[in-house]
Amino acid sequence: MKEFVEYIVKKLVDRPDQVKVSQIDSERTVILELSVDPADLGKVIGKNGRTAKALRTIITAVAAKQGQKRAILEILE
């Protein structure tokens, strides 16, 4: 899951070398913390948060398809 998020976000931003995804596992959820260059933050969030919402929807669907825990994407500033 971590590699999947990293791959998608690297295609969206201008500075793909600054993309970092860390994964925190708990009992029922997997939290993916996404960190990007401050200049690329707007591209990841998108207009009215549409890109971020789409990323979260995709991650939720992939986690459900794989039968994994609930997945949450947090975008760090």
PDB file of N, CA and C in Angstrom:
ATOM      1  N   MET A   1       0.828  -1.190   0.000  1.00  0.00           N
ATOM      2  CA  MET A   1       0.000   0.000   0.000  1.00  0.00           C
ATOM      3  C   MET A   1       0.873   1.256   0.000  1.00  0.00           C
ATOM      4  N   LYS A   2       1.911   1.240   0.806  1.00  0.00           N
ATOM      5  CA  LYS A   2       2.815   2.389   0.917  1.00  0.00           C
ATOM      6  C   LYS A   2       3.442   2.710  -0.443  1.00  0.00           C
ATOM      7  N   GLU A   3       3.901   1.695  -1.144  1.00  0.00           N
ATOM      8  CA  GLU A   3       4.536   1.879  -2.441  1.00  0.00           C
ATOM      9  C   GLU A   3       3.535   2.392  -3.480  1.00  0.00           C
ATOM     10  N   PHE A   4       2.297   1.937  -3.371  1.00  0.00           N
ATOM     11  CA  PHE A   4       1.238   2.370  -4.279  1.00  0.00           C
ATOM     12  C   PHE A   4       0.990   3.873  -4.149  1.00  0.00           C
ATOM     13  N   VAL A   5       0.868   4.354  -2.926  1.00  0.00           N
ATOM     14  CA  VAL A   5       0.635   5.780  -2.678  1.00  0.00           C
ATOM     15  C   VAL A   5       1.832   6.588  -3.169  1.00  0.00           C
ATOM     16  N   GLU A   6       3.020   6.101  -2.865  1.00  0.00           N
ATOM     17  CA  GLU A   6       4.235   6.793  -3.278  1.00  0.00           C
ATOM     18  C   GLU A   6       4.297   6.911  -4.803  1.00  0.00           C
ATOM     19  N   TYR A   7       3.967   5.851  -5.510  1.00  0.00           N
ATOM     20  CA  TYR A   7       3.991   5.852  -6.974  1.00  0.00           C
ATOM     21  C   TYR A   7       3.020   6.887  -7.544  1.00  0.00           C
ATOM     22  N   ILE A   8       1.797   6.903  -7.041  1.00  0.00           N
ATOM     23  CA  ILE A   8       0.786   7.834  -7.549  1.00  0.00           C
ATOM     24  C   ILE A   8       1.184   9.284  -7.285  1.00  0.00           C
ATOM     25  N   VAL A   9       1.617   9.564  -6.064  1.00  0.00           N
ATOM     26  CA  VAL A   9       1.941  10.944  -5.698  1.00  0.00           C
ATOM     27  C   VAL A   9       3.165  11.440  -6.459  1.00  0.00           C
ATOM     28  N   LYS A  10       4.138  10.577  -6.690  1.00  0.00           N
ATOM     29  CA  LYS A  10       5.332  10.993  -7.438  1.00  0.00           C
ATOM     30  C   LYS A  10       4.981  11.418  -8.861  1.00  0.00           C
ATOM     31  N   LYS A  11       3.921  10.859  -9.418  1.00  0.00           N
ATOM     32  CA  LYS A  11       3.485  11.245 -10.759  1.00  0.00           C
ATOM     33  C   LYS A  11       2.767  12.595 -10.758  1.00  0.00           C
ATOM     34  N   LEU A  12       2.268  13.033  -9.598  1.00  0.00           N
ATOM     35  CA  LEU A  12       1.523  14.288  -9.508  1.00  0.00           C
ATOM     36  C   LEU A  12       2.407  15.510  -9.267  1.00  0.00           C
ATOM     37  N   VAL A  13       3.521  15.340  -8.586  1.00  0.00           N
ATOM     38  CA  VAL A  13       4.309  16.476  -8.097  1.00  0.00           C
ATOM     39  C   VAL A  13       5.474  16.825  -9.018  1.00  0.00           C
ATOM     40  N   ASP A  14       6.037  18.019  -8.799  1.00  0.00           N
ATOM     41  CA  ASP A  14       7.203  18.467  -9.562  1.00  0.00           C
ATOM     42  C   ASP A  14       8.511  17.960  -8.962  1.00  0.00           C
ATOM     43  N   ARG A  15       8.522  17.695  -7.676  1.00  0.00           N
ATOM     44  CA  ARG A  15       9.733  17.224  -6.991  1.00  0.00           C
ATOM     45  C   ARG A  15       9.482  15.831  -6.396  1.00  0.00           C
ATOM     46  N   PRO A  16       9.521  14.790  -7.233  1.00  0.00           N
ATOM     47  CA  PRO A  16       9.219  13.441  -6.738  1.00  0.00           C
ATOM     48  C   PRO A  16      10.232  12.910  -5.726  1.00  0.00           C
ATOM     49  N   ASP A  17      11.438  13.471  -5.716  1.00  0.00           N
ATOM     50  CA  ASP A  17      12.443  13.011  -4.758  1.00  0.00           C
ATOM     51  C   ASP A  17      12.116  13.432  -3.326  1.00  0.00           C
ATOM     52  N   GLN A  18      11.211  14.387  -3.159  1.00  0.00           N
ATOM     53  CA  GLN A  18      10.821  14.875  -1.835  1.00  0.00           C
ATOM     54  C   GLN A  18       9.612  14.133  -1.253  1.00  0.00           C
ATOM     55  N   VAL A  19       9.052  13.204  -1.997  1.00  0.00           N
ATOM     56  CA  VAL A  19       7.872  12.461  -1.545  1.00  0.00           C
ATOM     57  C   VAL A  19       8.293  11.391  -0.544  1.00  0.00           C
ATOM     58  N   LYS A  20       7.669  11.412   0.616  1.00  0.00           N
ATOM     59  CA  LYS A  20       7.949  10.409   1.644  1.00  0.00           C
ATOM     60  C   LYS A  20       6.624   9.900   2.201  1.00  0.00           C
ATOM     61  N   VAL A  21       6.508   8.580   2.284  1.00  0.00           N
ATOM     62  CA  VAL A  21       5.304   7.963   2.840  1.00  0.00           C
ATOM     63  C   VAL A  21       5.738   7.048   3.968  1.00  0.00           C
ATOM     64  N   SER A  22       5.165   7.265   5.146  1.00  0.00           N
ATOM     65  CA  SER A  22       5.442   6.362   6.266  1.00  0.00           C
ATOM     66  C   SER A  22       4.137   5.668   6.651  1.00  0.00           C
ATOM     67  N   GLN A  23       4.284   4.435   7.092  1.00  0.00           N
ATOM     68  CA  GLN A  23       3.120   3.612   7.411  1.00  0.00           C
ATOM     69  C   GLN A  23       3.105   3.289   8.888  1.00  0.00           C
ATOM     70  N   ILE A  24       1.960   3.536   9.523  1.00  0.00           N
ATOM     71  CA  ILE A  24       1.768   3.232  10.937  1.00  0.00           C
ATOM     72  C   ILE A  24       0.647   2.205  11.031  1.00  0.00           C
ATOM     73  N   ASP A  25       0.985   1.040  11.546  1.00  0.00           N
ATOM     74  CA  ASP A  25       0.004  -0.033  11.678  1.00  0.00           C
ATOM     75  C   ASP A  25      -0.549  -0.055  13.093  1.00  0.00           C
ATOM     76  N   SER A  26      -1.854  -0.168  13.182  1.00  0.00           N
ATOM     77  CA  SER A  26      -2.490  -0.377  14.470  1.00  0.00           C
ATOM     78  C   SER A  26      -3.389  -1.603  14.338  1.00  0.00           C
ATOM     79  N   GLU A  27      -4.188  -1.853  15.344  1.00  0.00           N
ATOM     80  CA  GLU A  27      -4.998  -3.066  15.365  1.00  0.00           C
ATOM     81  C   GLU A  27      -5.987  -3.150  14.205  1.00  0.00           C
ATOM     82  N   ARG A  28      -6.715  -2.081  13.949  1.00  0.00           N
ATOM     83  CA  ARG A  28      -7.753  -2.107  12.916  1.00  0.00           C
ATOM     84  C   ARG A  28      -7.472  -1.206  11.722  1.00  0.00           C
ATOM     85  N   THR A  29      -6.480  -0.333  11.818  1.00  0.00           N
ATOM     86  CA  THR A  29      -6.240   0.618  10.738  1.00  0.00           C
ATOM     87  C   THR A  29      -4.774   0.666  10.337  1.00  0.00           C
ATOM     88  N   VAL A  30      -4.571   1.139   9.131  1.00  0.00           N
ATOM     89  CA  VAL A  30      -3.240   1.452   8.627  1.00  0.00           C
ATOM     90  C   VAL A  30      -3.261   2.932   8.299  1.00  0.00           C
ATOM     91  N   ILE A  31      -2.375   3.692   8.915  1.00  0.00           N
ATOM     92  CA  ILE A  31      -2.300   5.126   8.667  1.00  0.00           C
ATOM     93  C   ILE A  31      -1.088   5.377   7.779  1.00  0.00           C
ATOM     94  N   LEU A  32      -1.328   6.022   6.643  1.00  0.00           N
ATOM     95  CA  LEU A  32      -0.262   6.386   5.726  1.00  0.00           C
ATOM     96  C   LEU A  32      -0.052   7.890   5.831  1.00  0.00           C
ATOM     97  N   GLU A  33       1.129   8.285   6.267  1.00  0.00           N
ATOM     98  CA  GLU A  33       1.455   9.701   6.396  1.00  0.00           C
ATOM     99  C   GLU A  33       2.261  10.127   5.185  1.00  0.00           C
ATOM    100  N   LEU A  34       1.742  11.099   4.457  1.00  0.00           N
ATOM    101  CA  LEU A  34       2.356  11.573   3.227  1.00  0.00           C
ATOM    102  C   LEU A  34       2.995  12.929   3.460  1.00  0.00           C
ATOM    103  N   SER A  35       4.249  13.036   3.072  1.00  0.00           N
ATOM    104  CA  SER A  35       4.982  14.293   3.192  1.00  0.00           C
ATOM    105  C   SER A  35       5.552  14.645   1.819  1.00  0.00           C
ATOM    106  N   VAL A  36       5.295  15.873   1.365  1.00  0.00           N
ATOM    107  CA  VAL A  36       5.810  16.346   0.077  1.00  0.00           C
ATOM    108  C   VAL A  36       6.452  17.711   0.274  1.00  0.00           C
ATOM    109  N   ASP A  37       7.142  18.180  -0.745  1.00  0.00           N
ATOM    110  CA  ASP A  37       7.728  19.519  -0.727  1.00  0.00           C
ATOM    111  C   ASP A  37       6.593  20.539  -0.561  1.00  0.00           C
ATOM    112  N   PRO A  38       6.800  21.578   0.241  1.00  0.00           N
ATOM    113  CA  PRO A  38       5.725  22.574   0.441  1.00  0.00           C
ATOM    114  C   PRO A  38       5.199  23.185  -0.859  1.00  0.00           C
ATOM    115  N   ALA A  39       6.039  23.298  -1.871  1.00  0.00           N
ATOM    116  CA  ALA A  39       5.590  23.856  -3.156  1.00  0.00           C
ATOM    117  C   ALA A  39       4.633  22.914  -3.876  1.00  0.00           C
ATOM    118  N   ASP A  40       4.707  21.623  -3.592  1.00  0.00           N
ATOM    119  CA  ASP A  40       3.853  20.632  -4.242  1.00  0.00           C
ATOM    120  C   ASP A  40       2.603  20.290  -3.436  1.00  0.00           C
ATOM    121  N   LEU A  41       2.461  20.854  -2.276  1.00  0.00           N
ATOM    122  CA  LEU A  41       1.338  20.527  -1.397  1.00  0.00           C
ATOM    123  C   LEU A  41      -0.005  20.819  -2.064  1.00  0.00           C
ATOM    124  N   GLY A  42      -0.090  21.903  -2.788  1.00  0.00           N
ATOM    125  CA  GLY A  42      -1.324  22.267  -3.475  1.00  0.00           C
ATOM    126  C   GLY A  42      -1.711  21.270  -4.547  1.00  0.00           C
ATOM    127  N   LYS A  43      -0.725  20.696  -5.214  1.00  0.00           N
ATOM    128  CA  LYS A  43      -1.011  19.704  -6.251  1.00  0.00           C
ATOM    129  C   LYS A  43      -1.548  18.424  -5.655  1.00  0.00           C
ATOM    130  N   VAL A  44      -1.066  18.059  -4.479  1.00  0.00           N
ATOM    131  CA  VAL A  44      -1.520  16.832  -3.825  1.00  0.00           C
ATOM    132  C   VAL A  44      -2.921  17.023  -3.250  1.00  0.00           C
ATOM    133  N   ILE A  45      -3.193  18.189  -2.708  1.00  0.00           N
ATOM    134  CA  ILE A  45      -4.510  18.458  -2.132  1.00  0.00           C
ATOM    135  C   ILE A  45      -5.532  18.717  -3.237  1.00  0.00           C
ATOM    136  N   GLY A  46      -5.165  19.502  -4.234  1.00  0.00           N
ATOM    137  CA  GLY A  46      -6.064  19.771  -5.356  1.00  0.00           C
ATOM    138  C   GLY A  46      -7.077  20.853  -5.039  1.00  0.00           C
ATOM    139  N   LYS A  47      -7.819  21.246  -6.050  1.00  0.00           N
ATOM    140  CA  LYS A  47      -8.824  22.295  -5.892  1.00  0.00           C
ATOM    141  C   LYS A  47      -9.962  21.781  -5.025  1.00  0.00           C
ATOM    142  N   ASN A  48     -10.232  22.485  -3.950  1.00  0.00           N
ATOM    143  CA  ASN A  48     -11.257  22.109  -2.968  1.00  0.00           C
ATOM    144  C   ASN A  48     -11.021  20.715  -2.382  1.00  0.00           C
ATOM    145  N   GLY A  49      -9.772  20.254  -2.402  1.00  0.00           N
ATOM    146  CA  GLY A  49      -9.441  18.963  -1.806  1.00  0.00           C
ATOM    147  C   GLY A  49      -9.827  17.760  -2.653  1.00  0.00           C
ATOM    148  N   ARG A  50     -10.109  17.982  -3.918  1.00  0.00           N
ATOM    149  CA  ARG A  50     -10.587  16.888  -4.775  1.00  0.00           C
ATOM    150  C   ARG A  50      -9.530  15.807  -4.994  1.00  0.00           C
ATOM    151  N   THR A  51      -8.285  16.212  -5.209  1.00  0.00           N
ATOM    152  CA  THR A  51      -7.224  15.220  -5.445  1.00  0.00           C
ATOM    153  C   THR A  51      -6.985  14.393  -4.194  1.00  0.00           C
ATOM    154  N   ALA A  52      -6.943  15.046  -3.044  1.00  0.00           N
ATOM    155  CA  ALA A  52      -6.745  14.322  -1.779  1.00  0.00           C
ATOM    156  C   ALA A  52      -7.906  13.362  -1.526  1.00  0.00           C
ATOM    157  N   LYS A  53      -9.106  13.802  -1.807  1.00  0.00           N
ATOM    158  CA  LYS A  53     -10.280  12.942  -1.605  1.00  0.00           C
ATOM    159  C   LYS A  53     -10.222  11.734  -2.539  1.00  0.00           C
ATOM    160  N   ALA A  54      -9.797  11.955  -3.782  1.00  0.00           N
ATOM    161  CA  ALA A  54      -9.676  10.853  -4.740  1.00  0.00           C
ATOM    162  C   ALA A  54      -8.613   9.858  -4.286  1.00  0.00           C
ATOM    163  N   LEU A  55      -7.491  10.357  -3.791  1.00  0.00           N
ATOM    164  CA  LEU A  55      -6.439   9.475  -3.262  1.00  0.00           C
ATOM    165  C   LEU A  55      -6.968   8.634  -2.107  1.00  0.00           C
ATOM    166  N   ARG A  56      -7.693   9.267  -1.218  1.00  0.00           N
ATOM    167  CA  ARG A  56      -8.246   8.543  -0.067  1.00  0.00           C
ATOM    168  C   ARG A  56      -9.252   7.486  -0.509  1.00  0.00           C
ATOM    169  N   THR A  57     -10.056   7.799  -1.515  1.00  0.00           N
ATOM    170  CA  THR A  57     -11.029   6.835  -2.031  1.00  0.00           C
ATOM    171  C   THR A  57     -10.330   5.630  -2.642  1.00  0.00           C
ATOM    172  N   ILE A  58      -9.291   5.885  -3.422  1.00  0.00           N
ATOM    173  CA  ILE A  58      -8.535   4.792  -4.047  1.00  0.00           C
ATOM    174  C   ILE A  58      -7.884   3.913  -2.994  1.00  0.00           C
ATOM    175  N   ILE A  59      -7.297   4.519  -1.979  1.00  0.00           N
ATOM    176  CA  ILE A  59      -6.627   3.764  -0.920  1.00  0.00           C
ATOM    177  C   ILE A  59      -7.625   2.904  -0.153  1.00  0.00           C
ATOM    178  N   THR A  60      -8.785   3.463   0.126  1.00  0.00           N
ATOM    179  CA  THR A  60      -9.824   2.700   0.820  1.00  0.00           C
ATOM    180  C   THR A  60     -10.271   1.510  -0.013  1.00  0.00           C
ATOM    181  N   ALA A  61     -10.445   1.729  -1.315  1.00  0.00           N
ATOM    182  CA  ALA A  61     -10.878   0.642  -2.201  1.00  0.00           C
ATOM    183  C   ALA A  61      -9.817  -0.448  -2.311  1.00  0.00           C
ATOM    184  N   VAL A  62      -8.556  -0.065  -2.423  1.00  0.00           N
ATOM    185  CA  VAL A  62      -7.470  -1.048  -2.520  1.00  0.00           C
ATOM    186  C   VAL A  62      -7.366  -1.867  -1.239  1.00  0.00           C
ATOM    187  N   ALA A  63      -7.479  -1.207  -0.099  1.00  0.00           N
ATOM    188  CA  ALA A  63      -7.413  -1.918   1.179  1.00  0.00           C
ATOM    189  C   ALA A  63      -8.568  -2.907   1.309  1.00  0.00           C
ATOM    190  N   ALA A  64      -9.757  -2.508   0.897  1.00  0.00           N
ATOM    191  CA  ALA A  64     -10.916  -3.397   0.974  1.00  0.00           C
ATOM    192  C   ALA A  64     -10.757  -4.575   0.016  1.00  0.00           C
ATOM    193  N   LYS A  65     -10.247  -4.313  -1.163  1.00  0.00           N
ATOM    194  CA  LYS A  65     -10.061  -5.370  -2.161  1.00  0.00           C
ATOM    195  C   LYS A  65      -9.046  -6.408  -1.689  1.00  0.00           C
ATOM    196  N   GLN A  66      -8.005  -5.940  -0.993  1.00  0.00           N
ATOM    197  CA  GLN A  66      -6.971  -6.841  -0.494  1.00  0.00           C
ATOM    198  C   GLN A  66      -7.368  -7.507   0.818  1.00  0.00           C
ATOM    199  N   GLY A  67      -8.502  -7.113   1.357  1.00  0.00           N
ATOM    200  CA  GLY A  67      -8.958  -7.690   2.619  1.00  0.00           C
ATOM    201  C   GLY A  67      -8.142  -7.219   3.800  1.00  0.00           C
ATOM    202  N   GLN A  68      -7.531  -6.061   3.643  1.00  0.00           N
ATOM    203  CA  GLN A  68      -6.697  -5.519   4.712  1.00  0.00           C
ATOM    204  C   GLN A  68      -7.522  -4.683   5.674  1.00  0.00           C
ATOM    205  N   LYS A  69      -6.796  -4.089   6.605  1.00  0.00           N
ATOM    206  CA  LYS A  69      -7.402  -3.197   7.580  1.00  0.00           C
ATOM    207  C   LYS A  69      -7.882  -1.923   6.874  1.00  0.00           C
ATOM    208  N   ARG A  70      -8.554  -1.087   7.613  1.00  0.00           N
ATOM    209  CA  ARG A  70      -8.995   0.207   7.094  1.00  0.00           C
ATOM    210  C   ARG A  70      -7.767   1.090   6.879  1.00  0.00           C
ATOM    211  N   ALA A  71      -7.701   1.759   5.742  1.00  0.00           N
ATOM    212  CA  ALA A  71      -6.558   2.596   5.411  1.00  0.00           C
ATOM    213  C   ALA A  71      -6.940   4.076   5.492  1.00  0.00           C
ATOM    214  N   ILE A  72      -6.063   4.865   6.086  1.00  0.00           N
ATOM    215  CA  ILE A  72      -6.279   6.306   6.235  1.00  0.00           C
ATOM    216  C   ILE A  72      -5.068   7.022   5.688  1.00  0.00           C
ATOM    217  N   LEU A  73      -5.284   8.057   4.871  1.00  0.00           N
ATOM    218  CA  LEU A  73      -4.201   8.866   4.340  1.00  0.00           C
ATOM    219  C   LEU A  73      -4.187  10.208   5.042  1.00  0.00           C
ATOM    220  N   GLU A  74      -3.049  10.536   5.630  1.00  0.00           N
ATOM    221  CA  GLU A  74      -2.862  11.847   6.257  1.00  0.00           C
ATOM    222  C   GLU A  74      -1.795  12.594   5.479  1.00  0.00           C
ATOM    223  N   ILE A  75      -2.120  13.802   5.061  1.00  0.00           N
ATOM    224  CA  ILE A  75      -1.165  14.628   4.325  1.00  0.00           C
ATOM    225  C   ILE A  75      -0.559  15.609   5.314  1.00  0.00           C
ATOM    226  N   LEU A  76       0.752  15.480   5.519  1.00  0.00           N
ATOM    227  CA  LEU A  76       1.453  16.323   6.481  1.00  0.00           C
ATOM    228  C   LEU A  76       1.965  17.591   5.814  1.00  0.00           C
ATOM    229  N   GLU A  77       1.924  18.687   6.557  1.00  0.00           N
ATOM    230  CA  GLU A  77       2.426  19.957   6.031  1.00  0.00           C
ATOM    231  C   GLU A  77       3.856  20.158   6.427  1.00  0.00           C
TER     232      GLU A  77
END
